[in-house]
Amino acid sequence: MDQHDALQDHVVDTLRGIIDNITKRDYQSVLDKLAYSGSGDGFGDENHFIDFSWTDWAEKNKPIDIGEAISILDDLLQKGQQ
C-alpha cells in the first residue's frame, strides 16, 4: 500500500469511527478524537477539530485537520503516489 492509499484509508476509517460513535451516542469517544486549536494570535476564534494525524506521522506531536489531510492526499495523488 502506498502513502496516498494508506492516508486515504486512515481518513475514511477515522470518519467512519466518528459516525459510528455518534450513532451509538458514544459522544465521549468523539470528543476524545478532537484536537484543540487556540486562537492565540488575537485573530479568529478558538475551536476544536478532528485530528487526522496517525501514529507514525513524522511530526507525531503535530495534529492535522481535514484540510491538511486532504491537501496531503491531493499532493500524493499529483505526484503519482497512488
N, C-alpha and C. Protein backbone atom coordinates (compact mmCIF):
# COMPACT_ATOMS: atom_id res chain seq x y z
N MET A 1 0.86 -1.17 0.00
CA MET A 1 0.00 0.00 0.00
C MET A 1 0.90 1.24 0.00
N ASP A 2 0.58 2.20 -0.86
CA ASP A 2 1.39 3.41 -0.92
C ASP A 2 0.88 4.46 0.06
N GLN A 3 1.59 5.58 0.13
CA GLN A 3 1.27 6.64 1.10
C GLN A 3 -0.14 7.20 0.90
N HIS A 4 -0.50 7.45 -0.35
CA HIS A 4 -1.82 8.01 -0.65
C HIS A 4 -2.92 7.09 -0.14
N ASP A 5 -2.85 5.82 -0.51
CA ASP A 5 -3.89 4.87 -0.13
C ASP A 5 -3.95 4.68 1.39
N ALA A 6 -2.78 4.65 2.03
CA ALA A 6 -2.74 4.47 3.48
C ALA A 6 -3.40 5.66 4.19
N LEU A 7 -3.08 6.89 3.75
CA LEU A 7 -3.69 8.06 4.37
C LEU A 7 -5.18 8.13 4.05
N GLN A 8 -5.55 7.82 2.82
CA GLN A 8 -6.96 7.83 2.44
C GLN A 8 -7.74 6.85 3.32
N ASP A 9 -7.21 5.65 3.50
CA ASP A 9 -7.88 4.66 4.36
C ASP A 9 -8.00 5.17 5.79
N HIS A 10 -6.94 5.82 6.29
CA HIS A 10 -6.95 6.34 7.66
C HIS A 10 -8.02 7.42 7.83
N VAL A 11 -8.11 8.35 6.87
CA VAL A 11 -9.10 9.42 6.95
C VAL A 11 -10.51 8.84 6.93
N VAL A 12 -10.76 7.91 6.01
CA VAL A 12 -12.09 7.29 5.91
C VAL A 12 -12.41 6.50 7.18
N ASP A 13 -11.44 5.74 7.69
CA ASP A 13 -11.66 4.99 8.93
C ASP A 13 -11.96 5.90 10.11
N THR A 14 -11.24 7.04 10.19
CA THR A 14 -11.48 8.00 11.27
C THR A 14 -12.90 8.54 11.19
N LEU A 15 -13.32 8.95 10.00
CA LEU A 15 -14.67 9.48 9.83
C LEU A 15 -15.73 8.42 10.11
N ARG A 16 -15.51 7.20 9.65
CA ARG A 16 -16.46 6.11 9.93
C ARG A 16 -16.56 5.85 11.43
N GLY A 17 -15.42 5.91 12.11
CA GLY A 17 -15.42 5.71 13.56
C GLY A 17 -16.22 6.79 14.27
N ILE A 18 -16.07 8.03 13.82
CA ILE A 18 -16.82 9.13 14.42
C ILE A 18 -18.31 8.97 14.15
N ILE A 19 -18.66 8.62 12.93
CA ILE A 19 -20.07 8.37 12.61
C ILE A 19 -20.63 7.26 13.48
N ASP A 20 -19.86 6.18 13.63
CA ASP A 20 -20.29 5.06 14.46
C ASP A 20 -20.49 5.49 15.92
N ASN A 21 -19.54 6.26 16.44
CA ASN A 21 -19.66 6.75 17.82
C ASN A 21 -20.90 7.61 18.00
N ILE A 22 -21.17 8.49 17.05
CA ILE A 22 -22.35 9.35 17.15
C ILE A 22 -23.63 8.51 17.08
N THR A 23 -23.66 7.55 16.16
CA THR A 23 -24.83 6.68 16.03
C THR A 23 -25.11 5.93 17.33
N LYS A 24 -24.04 5.50 17.99
CA LYS A 24 -24.17 4.77 19.25
C LYS A 24 -24.31 5.70 20.45
N ARG A 25 -24.36 7.00 20.21
CA ARG A 25 -24.45 8.01 21.26
C ARG A 25 -23.25 7.97 22.21
N ASP A 26 -22.13 7.54 21.69
CA ASP A 26 -20.89 7.49 22.44
C ASP A 26 -20.11 8.78 22.18
N TYR A 27 -20.66 9.87 22.70
CA TYR A 27 -20.12 11.19 22.40
C TYR A 27 -18.74 11.41 23.00
N GLN A 28 -18.45 10.77 24.12
CA GLN A 28 -17.14 10.94 24.74
C GLN A 28 -16.03 10.46 23.79
N SER A 29 -16.29 9.37 23.07
CA SER A 29 -15.29 8.88 22.11
C SER A 29 -15.05 9.89 21.00
N VAL A 30 -16.10 10.59 20.58
CA VAL A 30 -15.94 11.64 19.57
C VAL A 30 -15.10 12.77 20.15
N LEU A 31 -15.41 13.18 21.36
CA LEU A 31 -14.64 14.25 21.99
C LEU A 31 -13.17 13.86 22.15
N ASP A 32 -12.90 12.58 22.41
CA ASP A 32 -11.53 12.11 22.56
C ASP A 32 -10.75 12.21 21.25
N LYS A 33 -11.43 12.24 20.12
CA LYS A 33 -10.77 12.32 18.82
C LYS A 33 -10.52 13.77 18.38
N LEU A 34 -11.01 14.73 19.14
CA LEU A 34 -10.85 16.13 18.77
C LEU A 34 -9.52 16.68 19.26
N ALA A 35 -9.02 17.64 18.55
CA ALA A 35 -7.84 18.39 18.98
C ALA A 35 -8.29 19.84 19.18
N TYR A 36 -7.53 20.58 19.95
CA TYR A 36 -7.90 21.95 20.28
C TYR A 36 -6.99 22.93 19.55
N SER A 37 -7.58 23.94 19.00
CA SER A 37 -6.83 24.98 18.32
C SER A 37 -7.17 26.32 18.95
N GLY A 38 -6.26 26.83 19.76
CA GLY A 38 -6.48 28.13 20.39
C GLY A 38 -6.21 29.25 19.41
N SER A 39 -6.90 30.36 19.58
CA SER A 39 -6.70 31.47 18.64
C SER A 39 -5.31 32.07 18.83
N GLY A 40 -4.91 32.31 20.05
CA GLY A 40 -3.55 32.71 20.39
C GLY A 40 -2.97 33.92 19.67
N ASP A 41 -3.36 34.17 18.45
CA ASP A 41 -2.78 35.28 17.70
C ASP A 41 -3.62 36.55 17.77
N GLY A 42 -4.72 36.49 18.51
CA GLY A 42 -5.57 37.66 18.62
C GLY A 42 -6.57 37.80 17.48
N PHE A 43 -6.49 36.91 16.52
CA PHE A 43 -7.41 36.92 15.39
C PHE A 43 -8.17 35.60 15.36
N GLY A 44 -9.42 35.63 15.04
CA GLY A 44 -10.20 34.41 14.93
C GLY A 44 -10.63 33.87 16.26
N ASP A 45 -11.27 32.73 16.21
CA ASP A 45 -11.83 32.10 17.39
C ASP A 45 -11.09 30.82 17.72
N GLU A 46 -11.22 30.42 18.97
CA GLU A 46 -10.72 29.12 19.37
C GLU A 46 -11.69 28.08 18.84
N ASN A 47 -11.21 26.89 18.53
CA ASN A 47 -12.12 25.86 18.05
C ASN A 47 -11.55 24.48 18.30
N HIS A 48 -12.36 23.49 18.11
CA HIS A 48 -11.97 22.09 18.19
C HIS A 48 -12.11 21.48 16.80
N PHE A 49 -11.25 20.52 16.49
CA PHE A 49 -11.32 19.88 15.18
C PHE A 49 -10.94 18.42 15.31
N ILE A 50 -11.33 17.63 14.32
CA ILE A 50 -10.97 16.22 14.28
C ILE A 50 -9.49 16.14 13.90
N ASP A 51 -8.74 15.41 14.68
CA ASP A 51 -7.32 15.23 14.43
C ASP A 51 -7.11 13.99 13.57
N PHE A 52 -6.60 14.17 12.36
CA PHE A 52 -6.37 13.06 11.43
C PHE A 52 -4.92 12.59 11.42
N SER A 53 -4.11 13.00 12.41
CA SER A 53 -2.73 12.51 12.44
C SER A 53 -2.74 11.02 12.78
N TRP A 54 -1.67 10.34 12.45
CA TRP A 54 -1.57 8.92 12.71
C TRP A 54 -0.29 8.63 13.47
N THR A 55 -0.18 7.43 13.99
CA THR A 55 0.89 7.13 14.95
C THR A 55 2.28 7.28 14.37
N ASP A 56 2.50 7.00 13.10
CA ASP A 56 3.85 7.12 12.57
C ASP A 56 4.05 8.41 11.76
N TRP A 57 3.17 9.38 12.00
CA TRP A 57 3.30 10.70 11.37
C TRP A 57 4.65 11.28 11.74
N ALA A 58 5.36 11.82 10.79
CA ALA A 58 6.73 12.30 11.02
C ALA A 58 6.81 13.33 12.14
N GLU A 59 5.77 14.13 12.29
CA GLU A 59 5.74 15.11 13.36
C GLU A 59 4.66 14.69 14.36
N LYS A 60 4.94 13.64 15.11
CA LYS A 60 3.93 12.99 15.95
C LYS A 60 3.12 13.92 16.83
N ASN A 61 3.71 15.00 17.26
CA ASN A 61 3.01 15.90 18.18
C ASN A 61 2.24 16.99 17.45
N LYS A 62 2.18 16.93 16.12
CA LYS A 62 1.50 17.95 15.35
C LYS A 62 0.19 17.39 14.81
N PRO A 63 -0.94 17.81 15.35
CA PRO A 63 -2.22 17.33 14.80
C PRO A 63 -2.43 17.89 13.40
N ILE A 64 -3.17 17.16 12.59
CA ILE A 64 -3.54 17.66 11.27
C ILE A 64 -5.06 17.64 11.14
N ASP A 65 -5.59 18.71 10.57
CA ASP A 65 -7.04 18.79 10.38
C ASP A 65 -7.41 18.22 9.02
N ILE A 66 -8.70 18.19 8.72
CA ILE A 66 -9.14 17.58 7.48
C ILE A 66 -8.61 18.34 6.26
N GLY A 67 -8.48 19.65 6.37
CA GLY A 67 -7.93 20.42 5.26
C GLY A 67 -6.52 20.00 4.91
N GLU A 68 -5.69 19.82 5.93
CA GLU A 68 -4.32 19.39 5.70
C GLU A 68 -4.27 17.95 5.19
N ALA A 69 -5.12 17.08 5.75
CA ALA A 69 -5.17 15.69 5.30
C ALA A 69 -5.54 15.61 3.82
N ILE A 70 -6.54 16.39 3.40
CA ILE A 70 -6.96 16.38 2.00
C ILE A 70 -5.87 16.97 1.11
N SER A 71 -5.19 18.02 1.58
CA SER A 71 -4.09 18.59 0.80
C SER A 71 -2.97 17.58 0.60
N ILE A 72 -2.64 16.83 1.65
CA ILE A 72 -1.61 15.80 1.53
C ILE A 72 -2.05 14.73 0.53
N LEU A 73 -3.32 14.31 0.63
CA LEU A 73 -3.84 13.32 -0.31
C LEU A 73 -3.72 13.83 -1.75
N ASP A 74 -4.09 15.08 -1.98
CA ASP A 74 -4.03 15.65 -3.33
C ASP A 74 -2.58 15.72 -3.81
N ASP A 75 -1.65 16.16 -2.93
CA ASP A 75 -0.24 16.23 -3.31
C ASP A 75 0.30 14.86 -3.68
N LEU A 76 -0.03 13.85 -2.88
CA LEU A 76 0.43 12.49 -3.17
C LEU A 76 -0.16 11.99 -4.48
N LEU A 77 -1.41 12.29 -4.74
CA LEU A 77 -2.05 11.87 -5.98
C LEU A 77 -1.37 12.53 -7.17
N GLN A 78 -1.09 13.82 -7.06
CA GLN A 78 -0.45 14.56 -8.15
C GLN A 78 0.98 14.05 -8.41
N LYS A 79 1.64 13.56 -7.38
CA LYS A 79 3.00 13.03 -7.50
C LYS A 79 3.00 11.58 -7.98
N GLY A 80 1.81 11.01 -8.18
CA GLY A 80 1.73 9.63 -8.64
C GLY A 80 1.93 8.61 -7.55
N GLN A 81 1.66 8.99 -6.29
CA GLN A 81 1.83 8.09 -5.15
C GLN A 81 0.56 7.31 -4.87
N GLN A 82 -0.20 6.98 -5.90
CA GLN A 82 -1.47 6.30 -5.66
C GLN A 82 -1.37 4.82 -5.69
